[in-house]
Full PDB file with SEQRES, HELIX, SHEET, SSBOND, CRYST1, ORIGX, SCALE, CONECT and MASTER records, all heavy atoms in Angstrom:
SEQRES   1 A   36  CYS VAL TYR CYS LEU SER VAL HIS ALA GLN ARG PHE GLU          
SEQRES   2 A   36  GLN LEU ALA LYS ARG ASN ASP VAL ILE ALA GLN LEU PHE          
SEQRES   3 A   36  ALA ASP PRO ALA THR ALA GLY THR ASN ALA                      
HELIX    1 AA1 VAL A    2  ALA A   16  1                                  15    
HELIX    2 AA2 ASP A   20  ALA A   27  1                                   8    
CRYST1    1.000    1.000    1.000  90.00  90.00  90.00 P 1           1          
ORIGX1      1.000000  0.000000  0.000000        0.00000                         
ORIGX2      0.000000  1.000000  0.000000        0.00000                         
ORIGX3      0.000000  0.000000  1.000000        0.00000                         
SCALE1      1.000000  0.000000  0.000000        0.00000                         
SCALE2      0.000000  1.000000  0.000000        0.00000                         
SCALE3      0.000000  0.000000  1.000000        0.00000                         
ATOM      1  N   CYS A   1      50.681 -56.856  35.970  1.00  0.00           N  
ATOM      2  CA  CYS A   1      51.466 -58.090  35.883  1.00  0.00           C  
ATOM      3  C   CYS A   1      52.303 -58.241  37.149  1.00  0.00           C  
ATOM      4  O   CYS A   1      53.413 -57.695  37.259  1.00  0.00           O  
ATOM      5  CB  CYS A   1      52.359 -58.081  34.645  1.00  0.00           C  
ATOM      6  SG  CYS A   1      53.186 -59.668  34.374  1.00  0.00           S  
ATOM      7  N   VAL A   2      51.779 -58.984  38.108  1.00  0.00           N  
ATOM      8  CA  VAL A   2      52.421 -59.146  39.409  1.00  0.00           C  
ATOM      9  C   VAL A   2      53.804 -59.781  39.257  1.00  0.00           C  
ATOM     10  O   VAL A   2      54.773 -59.363  39.911  1.00  0.00           O  
ATOM     11  CB  VAL A   2      51.537 -59.991  40.336  1.00  0.00           C  
ATOM     12  CG1 VAL A   2      52.257 -60.322  41.632  1.00  0.00           C  
ATOM     13  CG2 VAL A   2      50.228 -59.265  40.629  1.00  0.00           C  
ATOM     14  N   TYR A   3      53.913 -60.776  38.388  1.00  0.00           N  
ATOM     15  CA  TYR A   3      55.182 -61.490  38.242  1.00  0.00           C  
ATOM     16  C   TYR A   3      56.262 -60.567  37.682  1.00  0.00           C  
ATOM     17  O   TYR A   3      57.348 -60.452  38.268  1.00  0.00           O  
ATOM     18  CB  TYR A   3      55.033 -62.723  37.348  1.00  0.00           C  
ATOM     19  CG  TYR A   3      56.319 -63.505  37.232  1.00  0.00           C  
ATOM     20  CD1 TYR A   3      56.627 -64.496  38.155  1.00  0.00           C  
ATOM     21  CD2 TYR A   3      57.239 -63.215  36.235  1.00  0.00           C  
ATOM     22  CE1 TYR A   3      57.829 -65.199  38.076  1.00  0.00           C  
ATOM     23  CE2 TYR A   3      58.446 -63.905  36.149  1.00  0.00           C  
ATOM     24  CZ  TYR A   3      58.735 -64.888  37.071  1.00  0.00           C  
ATOM     25  OH  TYR A   3      59.931 -65.566  37.000  1.00  0.00           O  
ATOM     26  N   CYS A   4      55.999 -59.928  36.542  1.00  0.00           N  
ATOM     27  CA  CYS A   4      57.005 -59.042  35.937  1.00  0.00           C  
ATOM     28  C   CYS A   4      57.383 -57.914  36.888  1.00  0.00           C  
ATOM     29  O   CYS A   4      58.550 -57.529  36.978  1.00  0.00           O  
ATOM     30  CB  CYS A   4      56.491 -58.468  34.622  1.00  0.00           C  
ATOM     31  SG  CYS A   4      56.397 -59.661  33.270  1.00  0.00           S  
ATOM     32  N   LEU A   5      56.394 -57.382  37.590  1.00  0.00           N  
ATOM     33  CA  LEU A   5      56.670 -56.287  38.508  1.00  0.00           C  
ATOM     34  C   LEU A   5      57.593 -56.746  39.634  1.00  0.00           C  
ATOM     35  O   LEU A   5      58.517 -56.021  40.026  1.00  0.00           O  
ATOM     36  CB  LEU A   5      55.359 -55.737  39.072  1.00  0.00           C  
ATOM     37  CG  LEU A   5      55.458 -54.522  40.003  1.00  0.00           C  
ATOM     38  CD1 LEU A   5      56.349 -53.438  39.426  1.00  0.00           C  
ATOM     39  CD2 LEU A   5      54.064 -53.980  40.293  1.00  0.00           C  
ATOM     40  N   SER A   6      57.383 -57.956  40.145  1.00  0.00           N  
ATOM     41  CA  SER A   6      58.253 -58.443  41.217  1.00  0.00           C  
ATOM     42  C   SER A   6      59.693 -58.583  40.729  1.00  0.00           C  
ATOM     43  O   SER A   6      60.641 -58.192  41.422  1.00  0.00           O  
ATOM     44  CB  SER A   6      57.738 -59.783  41.757  1.00  0.00           C  
ATOM     45  OG  SER A   6      57.921 -60.835  40.823  1.00  0.00           O  
ATOM     46  N   VAL A   7      59.861 -59.117  39.527  1.00  0.00           N  
ATOM     47  CA  VAL A   7      61.206 -59.321  38.981  1.00  0.00           C  
ATOM     48  C   VAL A   7      61.921 -57.991  38.781  1.00  0.00           C  
ATOM     49  O   VAL A   7      63.081 -57.809  39.201  1.00  0.00           O  
ATOM     50  CB  VAL A   7      61.134 -60.083  37.642  1.00  0.00           C  
ATOM     51  CG1 VAL A   7      62.497 -60.102  36.956  1.00  0.00           C  
ATOM     52  CG2 VAL A   7      60.636 -61.506  37.862  1.00  0.00           C  
ATOM     53  N   HIS A   8      61.248 -57.040  38.171  1.00  0.00           N  
ATOM     54  CA  HIS A   8      61.933 -55.802  37.796  1.00  0.00           C  
ATOM     55  C   HIS A   8      61.994 -54.801  38.944  1.00  0.00           C  
ATOM     56  O   HIS A   8      62.872 -53.931  38.946  1.00  0.00           O  
ATOM     57  CB  HIS A   8      61.321 -55.252  36.517  1.00  0.00           C  
ATOM     58  CG  HIS A   8      61.553 -56.197  35.379  1.00  0.00           C  
ATOM     59  ND1 HIS A   8      62.749 -56.244  34.696  1.00  0.00           N  
ATOM     60  CD2 HIS A   8      60.779 -57.196  34.870  1.00  0.00           C  
ATOM     61  CE1 HIS A   8      62.698 -57.214  33.804  1.00  0.00           C  
ATOM     62  NE2 HIS A   8      61.512 -57.811  33.892  1.00  0.00           N  
ATOM     63  N   ALA A   9      61.145 -54.971  39.937  1.00  0.00           N  
ATOM     64  CA  ALA A   9      61.322 -54.225  41.183  1.00  0.00           C  
ATOM     65  C   ALA A   9      62.617 -54.658  41.868  1.00  0.00           C  
ATOM     66  O   ALA A   9      63.397 -53.825  42.357  1.00  0.00           O  
ATOM     67  CB  ALA A   9      60.130 -54.454  42.110  1.00  0.00           C  
ATOM     68  N   GLN A  10      62.855 -55.959  41.900  1.00  0.00           N  
ATOM     69  CA  GLN A  10      64.098 -56.469  42.491  1.00  0.00           C  
ATOM     70  C   GLN A  10      65.313 -55.959  41.724  1.00  0.00           C  
ATOM     71  O   GLN A  10      66.312 -55.546  42.326  1.00  0.00           O  
ATOM     72  CB  GLN A  10      64.095 -57.991  42.490  1.00  0.00           C  
ATOM     73  CG  GLN A  10      63.172 -58.631  43.494  1.00  0.00           C  
ATOM     74  CD  GLN A  10      63.300 -60.154  43.487  1.00  0.00           C  
ATOM     75  OE1 GLN A  10      64.255 -60.703  42.958  1.00  0.00           O  
ATOM     76  NE2 GLN A  10      62.333 -60.821  44.090  1.00  0.00           N  
ATOM     77  N   ARG A  11      65.230 -55.982  40.395  1.00  0.00           N  
ATOM     78  CA  ARG A  11      66.381 -55.556  39.599  1.00  0.00           C  
ATOM     79  C   ARG A  11      66.663 -54.071  39.772  1.00  0.00           C  
ATOM     80  O   ARG A  11      67.826 -53.651  39.826  1.00  0.00           O  
ATOM     81  CB  ARG A  11      66.156 -55.906  38.127  1.00  0.00           C  
ATOM     82  CG  ARG A  11      66.201 -57.401  37.878  1.00  0.00           C  
ATOM     83  CD  ARG A  11      66.030 -57.760  36.426  1.00  0.00           C  
ATOM     84  NE  ARG A  11      66.039 -59.207  36.248  1.00  0.00           N  
ATOM     85  CZ  ARG A  11      65.755 -59.826  35.109  1.00  0.00           C  
ATOM     86  NH1 ARG A  11      65.413 -59.112  34.039  1.00  0.00           N  
ATOM     87  NH2 ARG A  11      65.782 -61.138  35.027  1.00  0.00           N  
ATOM     88  N   PHE A  12      65.597 -53.257  39.870  1.00  0.00           N  
ATOM     89  CA  PHE A  12      65.809 -51.834  40.138  1.00  0.00           C  
ATOM     90  C   PHE A  12      66.528 -51.660  41.466  1.00  0.00           C  
ATOM     91  O   PHE A  12      67.501 -50.903  41.567  1.00  0.00           O  
ATOM     92  CB  PHE A  12      64.482 -51.076  40.163  1.00  0.00           C  
ATOM     93  CG  PHE A  12      64.645 -49.643  40.579  1.00  0.00           C  
ATOM     94  CD1 PHE A  12      64.957 -48.669  39.648  1.00  0.00           C  
ATOM     95  CD2 PHE A  12      64.522 -49.268  41.913  1.00  0.00           C  
ATOM     96  CE1 PHE A  12      65.156 -47.346  40.029  1.00  0.00           C  
ATOM     97  CE2 PHE A  12      64.710 -47.957  42.311  1.00  0.00           C  
ATOM     98  CZ  PHE A  12      65.031 -46.990  41.360  1.00  0.00           C  
ATOM     99  N   GLU A  13      66.056 -52.356  42.487  1.00  0.00           N  
ATOM    100  CA  GLU A  13      66.662 -52.206  43.810  1.00  0.00           C  
ATOM    101  C   GLU A  13      68.119 -52.652  43.805  1.00  0.00           C  
ATOM    102  O   GLU A  13      68.983 -52.019  44.419  1.00  0.00           O  
ATOM    103  CB  GLU A  13      65.873 -52.999  44.845  1.00  0.00           C  
ATOM    104  CG  GLU A  13      66.426 -52.851  46.261  1.00  0.00           C  
ATOM    105  CD  GLU A  13      65.622 -53.617  47.294  1.00  0.00           C  
ATOM    106  OE1 GLU A  13      64.419 -53.824  47.068  1.00  0.00           O  
ATOM    107  OE2 GLU A  13      66.213 -54.004  48.315  1.00  0.00           O  
ATOM    108  N   GLN A  14      68.418 -53.730  43.086  1.00  0.00           N  
ATOM    109  CA  GLN A  14      69.797 -54.206  43.014  1.00  0.00           C  
ATOM    110  C   GLN A  14      70.714 -53.173  42.368  1.00  0.00           C  
ATOM    111  O   GLN A  14      71.857 -52.987  42.785  1.00  0.00           O  
ATOM    112  CB  GLN A  14      69.848 -55.519  42.229  1.00  0.00           C  
ATOM    113  CG  GLN A  14      69.218 -56.699  42.949  1.00  0.00           C  
ATOM    114  CD  GLN A  14      68.893 -57.850  42.029  1.00  0.00           C  
ATOM    115  OE1 GLN A  14      69.092 -57.777  40.805  1.00  0.00           O  
ATOM    116  NE2 GLN A  14      68.384 -58.939  42.593  1.00  0.00           N  
ATOM    117  N   LEU A  15      70.189 -52.483  41.349  1.00  0.00           N  
ATOM    118  CA  LEU A  15      70.995 -51.508  40.615  1.00  0.00           C  
ATOM    119  C   LEU A  15      71.049 -50.156  41.322  1.00  0.00           C  
ATOM    120  O   LEU A  15      72.102 -49.519  41.370  1.00  0.00           O  
ATOM    121  CB  LEU A  15      70.442 -51.332  39.195  1.00  0.00           C  
ATOM    122  CG  LEU A  15      70.586 -52.543  38.275  1.00  0.00           C  
ATOM    123  CD1 LEU A  15      69.651 -52.418  37.083  1.00  0.00           C  
ATOM    124  CD2 LEU A  15      72.031 -52.683  37.808  1.00  0.00           C  
ATOM    125  N   ALA A  16      69.911 -49.715  41.855  1.00  0.00           N  
ATOM    126  CA  ALA A  16      69.829 -48.382  42.447  1.00  0.00           C  
ATOM    127  C   ALA A  16      70.129 -48.374  43.943  1.00  0.00           C  
ATOM    128  O   ALA A  16      70.326 -47.294  44.518  1.00  0.00           O  
ATOM    129  CB  ALA A  16      68.439 -47.791  42.192  1.00  0.00           C  
ATOM    130  N   LYS A  17      70.126 -49.545  44.570  1.00  0.00           N  
ATOM    131  CA  LYS A  17      70.377 -49.668  46.006  1.00  0.00           C  
ATOM    132  C   LYS A  17      69.320 -48.936  46.844  1.00  0.00           C  
ATOM    133  O   LYS A  17      69.607 -48.436  47.935  1.00  0.00           O  
ATOM    134  CB  LYS A  17      71.779 -49.129  46.371  1.00  0.00           C  
ATOM    135  CG  LYS A  17      72.915 -49.677  45.528  1.00  0.00           C  
ATOM    136  CD  LYS A  17      72.969 -51.190  45.568  1.00  0.00           C  
ATOM    137  CE  LYS A  17      74.139 -51.706  44.717  1.00  0.00           C  
ATOM    138  NZ  LYS A  17      74.140 -53.185  44.603  1.00  0.00           N  
ATOM    139  N   ARG A  18      68.087 -48.909  46.363  1.00  0.00           N  
ATOM    140  CA  ARG A  18      66.979 -48.307  47.106  1.00  0.00           C  
ATOM    141  C   ARG A  18      65.666 -48.835  46.543  1.00  0.00           C  
ATOM    142  O   ARG A  18      65.635 -49.363  45.422  1.00  0.00           O  
ATOM    143  CB  ARG A  18      67.010 -46.773  47.027  1.00  0.00           C  
ATOM    144  CG  ARG A  18      66.940 -46.212  45.610  1.00  0.00           C  
ATOM    145  CD  ARG A  18      67.158 -44.697  45.591  1.00  0.00           C  
ATOM    146  NE  ARG A  18      67.163 -44.177  44.252  1.00  0.00           N  
ATOM    147  CZ  ARG A  18      66.067 -43.813  43.570  1.00  0.00           C  
ATOM    148  NH1 ARG A  18      64.875 -43.915  44.157  1.00  0.00           N  
ATOM    149  NH2 ARG A  18      66.156 -43.346  42.346  1.00  0.00           N  
ATOM    150  N   ASN A  19      64.597 -48.696  47.325  1.00  0.00           N  
ATOM    151  CA  ASN A  19      63.301 -49.192  46.862  1.00  0.00           C  
ATOM    152  C   ASN A  19      62.183 -48.176  47.068  1.00  0.00           C  
ATOM    153  O   ASN A  19      61.010 -48.518  46.938  1.00  0.00           O  
ATOM    154  CB  ASN A  19      62.948 -50.505  47.565  1.00  0.00           C  
ATOM    155  CG  ASN A  19      62.771 -50.330  49.077  1.00  0.00           C  
ATOM    156  OD1 ASN A  19      62.799 -49.224  49.609  1.00  0.00           O  
ATOM    157  ND2 ASN A  19      62.589 -51.444  49.778  1.00  0.00           N  
ATOM    158  N   ASP A  20      62.545 -46.916  47.366  1.00  0.00           N  
ATOM    159  CA  ASP A  20      61.507 -45.930  47.667  1.00  0.00           C  
ATOM    160  C   ASP A  20      60.543 -45.720  46.512  1.00  0.00           C  
ATOM    161  O   ASP A  20      59.318 -45.733  46.691  1.00  0.00           O  
ATOM    162  CB  ASP A  20      62.132 -44.599  48.102  1.00  0.00           C  
ATOM    163  CG  ASP A  20      63.278 -44.141  47.208  1.00  0.00           C  
ATOM    164  OD1 ASP A  20      63.568 -44.817  46.197  1.00  0.00           O  
ATOM    165  OD2 ASP A  20      63.904 -43.110  47.548  1.00  0.00           O  
ATOM    166  N   VAL A  21      61.067 -45.579  45.295  1.00  0.00           N  
ATOM    167  CA  VAL A  21      60.185 -45.345  44.155  1.00  0.00           C  
ATOM    168  C   VAL A  21      59.357 -46.598  43.840  1.00  0.00           C  
ATOM    169  O   VAL A  21      58.225 -46.494  43.340  1.00  0.00           O  
ATOM    170  CB  VAL A  21      60.986 -44.873  42.924  1.00  0.00           C  
ATOM    171  CG1 VAL A  21      61.901 -45.971  42.401  1.00  0.00           C  
ATOM    172  CG2 VAL A  21      60.042 -44.406  41.815  1.00  0.00           C  
ATOM    173  N   ILE A  22      59.884 -47.769  44.153  1.00  0.00           N  
ATOM    174  CA  ILE A  22      59.127 -49.003  43.931  1.00  0.00           C  
ATOM    175  C   ILE A  22      57.925 -49.047  44.866  1.00  0.00           C  
ATOM    176  O   ILE A  22      56.812 -49.412  44.460  1.00  0.00           O  
ATOM    177  CB  ILE A  22      60.025 -50.236  44.117  1.00  0.00           C  
ATOM    178  CG1 ILE A  22      61.163 -50.239  43.092  1.00  0.00           C  
ATOM    179  CG2 ILE A  22      59.208 -51.508  44.023  1.00  0.00           C  
ATOM    180  CD1 ILE A  22      60.706 -50.261  41.640  1.00  0.00           C  
ATOM    181  N   ALA A  23      58.131 -48.665  46.121  1.00  0.00           N  
ATOM    182  CA  ALA A  23      57.005 -48.620  47.057  1.00  0.00           C  
ATOM    183  C   ALA A  23      55.947 -47.632  46.571  1.00  0.00           C  
ATOM    184  O   ALA A  23      54.744 -47.908  46.653  1.00  0.00           O  
ATOM    185  CB  ALA A  23      57.492 -48.227  48.449  1.00  0.00           C  
ATOM    186  N   GLN A  24      56.386 -46.500  46.062  1.00  0.00           N  
ATOM    187  CA  GLN A  24      55.448 -45.516  45.524  1.00  0.00           C  
ATOM    188  C   GLN A  24      54.704 -46.079  44.313  1.00  0.00           C  
ATOM    189  O   GLN A  24      53.496 -45.869  44.150  1.00  0.00           O  
ATOM    190  CB  GLN A  24      56.198 -44.249  45.135  1.00  0.00           C  
ATOM    191  CG  GLN A  24      56.826 -43.511  46.297  1.00  0.00           C  
ATOM    192  CD  GLN A  24      57.784 -42.432  45.850  1.00  0.00           C  
ATOM    193  OE1 GLN A  24      57.942 -42.184  44.658  1.00  0.00           O  
ATOM    194  NE2 GLN A  24      58.433 -41.781  46.799  1.00  0.00           N  
ATOM    195  N   LEU A  25      55.436 -46.804  43.463  1.00  0.00           N  
ATOM    196  CA  LEU A  25      54.828 -47.396  42.272  1.00  0.00           C  
ATOM    197  C   LEU A  25      53.788 -48.436  42.660  1.00  0.00           C  
ATOM    198  O   LEU A  25      52.696 -48.486  42.066  1.00  0.00           O  
ATOM    199  CB  LEU A  25      55.923 -48.021  41.413  1.00  0.00           C  
ATOM    200  CG  LEU A  25      55.576 -48.440  39.994  1.00  0.00           C  
ATOM    201  CD1 LEU A  25      55.114 -47.258  39.164  1.00  0.00           C  
ATOM    202  CD2 LEU A  25      56.799 -49.094  39.342  1.00  0.00           C  
ATOM    203  N   PHE A  26      54.095 -49.268  43.615  1.00  0.00           N  
ATOM    204  CA  PHE A  26      53.118 -50.241  44.098  1.00  0.00           C  
ATOM    205  C   PHE A  26      51.861 -49.533  44.609  1.00  0.00           C  
ATOM    206  O   PHE A  26      50.740 -49.982  44.383  1.00  0.00           O  
ATOM    207  CB  PHE A  26      53.705 -51.071  45.238  1.00  0.00           C  
ATOM    208  CG  PHE A  26      54.692 -52.130  44.830  1.00  0.00           C  
ATOM    209  CD1 PHE A  26      55.158 -52.246  43.529  1.00  0.00           C  
ATOM    210  CD2 PHE A  26      55.184 -53.026  45.777  1.00  0.00           C  
ATOM    211  CE1 PHE A  26      56.078 -53.218  43.179  1.00  0.00           C  
ATOM    212  CE2 PHE A  26      56.099 -54.007  45.431  1.00  0.00           C  
ATOM    213  CZ  PHE A  26      56.547 -54.100  44.126  1.00  0.00           C  
ATOM    214  N   ALA A  27      52.067 -48.417  45.315  1.00  0.00           N  
ATOM    215  CA  ALA A  27      50.938 -47.712  45.926  1.00  0.00           C  
ATOM    216  C   ALA A  27      50.092 -47.000  44.887  1.00  0.00           C  
ATOM    217  O   ALA A  27      48.863 -47.131  44.879  1.00  0.00           O  
ATOM    218  CB  ALA A  27      51.451 -46.722  46.969  1.00  0.00           C  
ATOM    219  N   ASP A  28      50.725 -46.240  43.984  1.00  0.00           N  
ATOM    220  CA  ASP A  28      49.962 -45.461  42.999  1.00  0.00           C  
ATOM    221  C   ASP A  28      50.893 -44.944  41.919  1.00  0.00           C  
ATOM    222  O   ASP A  28      51.637 -43.979  42.137  1.00  0.00           O  
ATOM    223  CB  ASP A  28      49.263 -44.278  43.673  1.00  0.00           C  
ATOM    224  CG  ASP A  28      48.379 -43.491  42.702  1.00  0.00           C  
ATOM    225  OD1 ASP A  28      48.260 -43.899  41.531  1.00  0.00           O  
ATOM    226  OD2 ASP A  28      47.835 -42.459  43.119  1.00  0.00           O  
ATOM    227  N   PRO A  29      50.888 -45.546  40.724  1.00  0.00           N  
ATOM    228  CA  PRO A  29      51.789 -45.081  39.662  1.00  0.00           C  
ATOM    229  C   PRO A  29      51.525 -43.651  39.221  1.00  0.00           C  
ATOM    230  O   PRO A  29      52.418 -42.991  38.685  1.00  0.00           O  
ATOM    231  CB  PRO A  29      51.542 -46.078  38.520  1.00  0.00           C  
ATOM    232  CG  PRO A  29      50.237 -46.717  38.824  1.00  0.00           C  
ATOM    233  CD  PRO A  29      50.099 -46.721  40.311  1.00  0.00           C  
ATOM    234  N   ALA A  30      50.326 -43.136  39.457  1.00  0.00           N  
ATOM    235  CA  ALA A  30      49.997 -41.773  39.026  1.00  0.00           C  
ATOM    236  C   ALA A  30      50.823 -40.724  39.753  1.00  0.00           C  
ATOM    237  O   ALA A  30      51.026 -39.621  39.231  1.00  0.00           O  
ATOM    238  CB  ALA A  30      48.512 -41.496  39.233  1.00  0.00           C  
ATOM    239  N   THR A  31      51.309 -41.045  40.955  1.00  0.00           N  
ATOM    240  CA  THR A  31      52.074 -40.075  41.735  1.00  0.00           C  
ATOM    241  C   THR A  31      53.474 -40.582  42.068  1.00  0.00           C  
ATOM    242  O   THR A  31      54.193 -39.934  42.835  1.00  0.00           O  
ATOM    243  CB  THR A  31      51.342 -39.731  43.044  1.00  0.00           C  
ATOM    244  OG1 THR A  31      51.116 -40.942  43.788  1.00  0.00           O  
ATOM    245  CG2 THR A  31      50.009 -39.067  42.762  1.00  0.00           C  
ATOM    246  N   ALA A  32      53.893 -41.698  41.513  1.00  0.00           N  
ATOM    247  CA  ALA A  32      55.164 -42.310  41.887  1.00  0.00           C  
ATOM    248  C   ALA A  32      56.350 -41.573  41.273  1.00  0.00           C  
ATOM    249  O   ALA A  32      56.271 -41.036  40.164  1.00  0.00           O  
ATOM    250  CB  ALA A  32      55.189 -43.771  41.460  1.00  0.00           C  
ATOM    251  N   GLY A  33      57.462 -41.590  42.001  1.00  0.00           N  
ATOM    252  CA  GLY A  33      58.701 -40.993  41.545  1.00  0.00           C  
ATOM    253  C   GLY A  33      59.318 -40.135  42.626  1.00  0.00           C  
ATOM    254  O   GLY A  33      58.644 -39.281  43.191  1.00  0.00           O  
ATOM    255  N   THR A  34      60.602 -40.345  42.903  1.00  0.00           N  
ATOM    256  CA  THR A  34      61.257 -39.570  43.955  1.00  0.00           C  
ATOM    257  C   THR A  34      61.812 -38.254  43.439  1.00  0.00           C  
ATOM    258  O   THR A  34      62.291 -37.438  44.231  1.00  0.00           O  
ATOM    259  CB  THR A  34      62.410 -40.374  44.585  1.00  0.00           C  
ATOM    260  OG1 THR A  34      63.463 -40.534  43.614  1.00  0.00           O  
ATOM    261  CG2 THR A  34      61.927 -41.728  45.071  1.00  0.00           C  
ATOM    262  N   ASN A  35      61.781 -38.045  42.131  1.00  0.00           N  
ATOM    263  CA  ASN A  35      62.240 -36.790  41.548  1.00  0.00           C  
ATOM    264  C   ASN A  35      61.537 -36.601  40.206  1.00  0.00           C  
ATOM    265  O   ASN A  35      60.801 -37.481  39.734  1.00  0.00           O  
ATOM    266  CB  ASN A  35      63.770 -36.778  41.384  1.00  0.00           C  
ATOM    267  CG  ASN A  35      64.275 -37.978  40.598  1.00  0.00           C  
ATOM    268  OD1 ASN A  35      63.763 -38.311  39.528  1.00  0.00           O  
ATOM    269  ND2 ASN A  35      65.289 -38.649  41.126  1.00  0.00           N  
ATOM    270  N   ALA A  36      61.745 -35.440  39.604  1.00  0.00           N  
ATOM    271  CA  ALA A  36      61.041 -35.117  38.359  1.00  0.00           C  
ATOM    272  C   ALA A  36      61.383 -36.103  37.243  1.00  0.00           C  
ATOM    273  O   ALA A  36      60.532 -36.455  36.423  1.00  0.00           O  
ATOM    274  CB  ALA A  36      61.366 -33.690  37.930  1.00  0.00           C  
TER     275      ALA A  36                                                      
MASTER        0    0    0    2    0    0    0    6  274    1    0    3          
END                                                                             
């Protein structure tokens, strides 16, 4: 769902002040996450 993902990627970034895990999620959810 491209639309929902765009909305909630923005909201994560607004709250967390970073987008590293979002970039990982876009690339491959199987390996995404900056920590355990």
